[in-house]
Amino acid sequence: MKEGDFAEKKSLILCQDGSPFIPYYPAGINTDKCTGCGECVKVCPQNCIELKEQNGKLVAVIVDMESCIGDGMCRLVCPEDAFT
């Protein structure tokens, strides 16, 4: 590459097993499935999820999607598979 030439660089983040990291940004939480266990709240490093009462039931709610880093831990730890 000559001086003044610019090449687009794309960085690829790899998982521990060498596979490419594909971010997961939840579209929502199925409150019919959610039992309000709070496991997703515990693992979210950005505090994007909180437990709130809806229709007399405690459920997980995404409160700050802008801060989500897409690590997907919320979906992985959800015992009810409530993340969409």
Protein backbone atom coordinates (compact mmCIF):
# COMPACT_ATOMS: atom_id res chain seq x y z
CA MET A 1 0.00 0.00 0.00
CA LYS A 2 1.41 3.36 -1.03
CA GLU A 3 1.40 6.40 1.18
CA GLY A 4 -1.95 8.14 0.89
CA ASP A 5 -3.81 4.95 -0.01
CA PHE A 6 -6.40 3.86 2.49
CA ALA A 7 -7.68 0.35 2.85
CA GLU A 8 -10.83 -0.45 4.77
CA LYS A 9 -10.01 -2.59 7.77
CA LYS A 10 -12.59 -4.81 9.33
CA SER A 11 -11.89 -6.35 12.66
CA LEU A 12 -13.31 -9.72 13.51
CA ILE A 13 -13.90 -10.65 17.11
CA LEU A 14 -13.42 -14.33 17.85
CA CYS A 15 -14.93 -16.42 20.60
CA GLN A 16 -12.77 -18.65 22.78
CA ASP A 17 -13.41 -21.59 20.45
CA GLY A 18 -12.20 -19.56 17.45
CA SER A 19 -15.63 -19.05 15.91
CA PRO A 20 -16.63 -15.51 14.91
CA PHE A 21 -18.57 -13.54 17.49
CA ILE A 22 -22.03 -12.66 16.20
CA PRO A 23 -23.74 -10.10 18.42
CA TYR A 24 -27.21 -10.84 19.73
CA TYR A 25 -29.46 -7.89 20.41
CA PRO A 26 -32.78 -9.01 21.88
CA ALA A 27 -35.87 -7.78 20.08
CA GLY A 28 -37.91 -8.18 23.24
CA ILE A 29 -38.98 -10.43 26.06
CA ASN A 30 -42.02 -12.67 25.91
CA THR A 31 -43.71 -11.77 29.19
CA ASP A 32 -45.97 -14.81 28.91
CA LYS A 33 -42.88 -17.02 29.20
CA CYS A 34 -40.91 -14.86 31.66
CA THR A 35 -41.18 -15.99 35.29
CA GLY A 36 -39.30 -13.02 36.74
CA CYS A 37 -36.41 -15.13 38.01
CA GLY A 38 -33.96 -12.25 37.40
CA GLU A 39 -31.14 -14.34 35.94
CA CYS A 40 -30.93 -12.03 32.90
CA VAL A 41 -30.74 -8.97 35.17
CA LYS A 42 -27.81 -10.51 37.07
CA VAL A 43 -25.70 -11.18 33.95
CA CYS A 44 -26.33 -7.99 31.97
CA PRO A 45 -23.09 -5.97 32.19
CA GLN A 46 -24.79 -2.79 30.97
CA ASN A 47 -27.86 -2.95 33.26
CA CYS A 48 -30.19 -2.93 30.25
CA ILE A 49 -32.75 -5.20 31.90
CA GLU A 50 -34.83 -4.68 35.03
CA LEU A 51 -37.59 -6.59 36.78
CA LYS A 52 -40.88 -4.71 36.72
CA GLU A 53 -44.46 -5.51 37.56
CA GLN A 54 -46.76 -5.87 34.57
CA ASN A 55 -50.34 -7.03 34.88
CA GLY A 56 -49.74 -8.18 38.45
CA LYS A 57 -46.69 -10.27 37.50
CA LEU A 58 -42.97 -9.56 37.96
CA VAL A 59 -41.21 -9.81 34.56
CA ALA A 60 -37.95 -8.79 32.93
CA VAL A 61 -38.12 -5.63 30.83
CA ILE A 62 -35.49 -4.16 28.51
CA VAL A 63 -35.07 -0.61 29.81
CA ASP A 64 -31.98 0.60 27.94
CA MET A 65 -31.52 -1.03 24.53
CA GLU A 66 -29.12 1.75 23.50
CA SER A 67 -26.51 0.43 25.96
CA CYS A 68 -26.81 -3.24 24.92
CA ILE A 69 -23.45 -4.66 23.79
CA GLY A 70 -24.97 -7.75 22.18
CA ASP A 71 -23.15 -10.37 24.25
CA GLY A 72 -26.28 -12.54 24.37
CA MET A 73 -25.84 -13.63 27.97
CA CYS A 74 -29.45 -12.70 28.77
CA ARG A 75 -30.73 -15.22 26.26
CA LEU A 76 -28.24 -17.89 27.32
CA VAL A 77 -29.18 -17.80 31.01
CA CYS A 78 -32.96 -17.50 30.55
CA PRO A 79 -34.44 -20.82 31.74
CA GLU A 80 -37.74 -20.06 30.02
CA ASP A 81 -36.33 -19.04 26.59
CA ALA A 82 -38.29 -15.79 26.89
CA PHE A 83 -35.96 -13.59 24.80
CA THR A 84 -36.99 -12.93 21.20
